[in-house]
Amino acid sequence: QGARRVRLDGDLRAVLLEAPGRCVPYAVIEGVVRSVKETLSSQFVEDCKGVVQRLTLQEHKMVWNRTTHLWNDYEKIIHQRTNTTPFDLVPREESAGVAVRVMKPLDAAELSLETVYEKFHPSVQSFTDVIGHYISGERPKGIQETEQMLKVGTALTGVGELVLDNATIKLQPPKQGMPYYLSAVDFDTLLQKQESNVRFWKILSVVFGFATCAVLFFILRKQYRHQRERRHLKRMQDEFRQAQERLMREMNAEGGETLKNACVVCLSNTKSCVFLECGHVCSCNACYRALPEPKRCPICRQAIARVVPLYNS
């Protein structure tokens, strides 16, 4: 990710003094946590000291799903409080070195907090409560109480912007929008994890890209076929209209009586069939025989039960 790895030794201050603006935009710092002033004490564990403390109350209950007709687990944080105190990252060895002040630790991704206390308080329910829960569709299970801490002495890997502010070296969120990390794993493991995430999203993007192209292809293909069928239908309608107009001109030239009694299908032979039960007289005998099964009246589309010949005197 373009991060510069620096060591917590005497050369770090010299590196920052030579850097533009006394700033390294993206640096990796590995060290252990040391409090600056007072430490935070655990509320439940003796002799447990830290610099970040998070207390959480989480409600657990069962909720009836009216769609699947099943009881599903539901969790909801009803209260959460996070306490912090200033802390530094110092070298793991006891040798002389520099301390780096960690700024805005709660803004860091993958902030490694250790769970030091966890207890589940089950709900006490009477028979009346159970009936009410079945009616309401919610069955409380209990409250889970959790305490998490970033303990003093924890090894951390910090990735962010490194600046020299007067005499204090600070690690803070980068201004360029790059991610800010405070993780308990070493930098190589953290880098491999981020590369795996990047590789996963790349593969996912390629899969979604192919899926989108396939969907667009099928949509465009369907639209093309629909447009082609519409053009074919319009061409047939135009040809039929032109043929009808040509026939009308020929019939008008020969006489209007023949056109009046012409078959509505071929427009050339005279009508010679009476369709029952609808009673329409609209077709010649040849066009009646050419009608597809089951035969229906070309006018009203009603099924033809039988045919009576029509004799013109």
Foldseek 3Di string as FASTA:
>chain_A
DPAAEDEFAPCLQVVLVPDVQSKDQKYKYKAFKDADDDWDDDPPDPPFTFFKKKKWKKWWKWFQDPVVRDTDIDIDTPDMDMGGGWIWGHHPDPDDGHTATEPPLVQAPAADWAWPDKDWDFDDDDPVRVVVCVVVRMGTGTMMITMTHHTGGQIWMWIGMWGCDPPHIYGYHRPVPDHTHIHSDDPVVVVVVVVVVVVVVVVVVVVVVVVVVVVVVVVVVVVVVVVVVVVVVVVVVVVVVVVVVVLVVVCVVVDDVLQVQAAPPPSHDGFWKAFPPVGDGHHHPVVQVVADPPHADPPPRHGGPDIDTHDDD
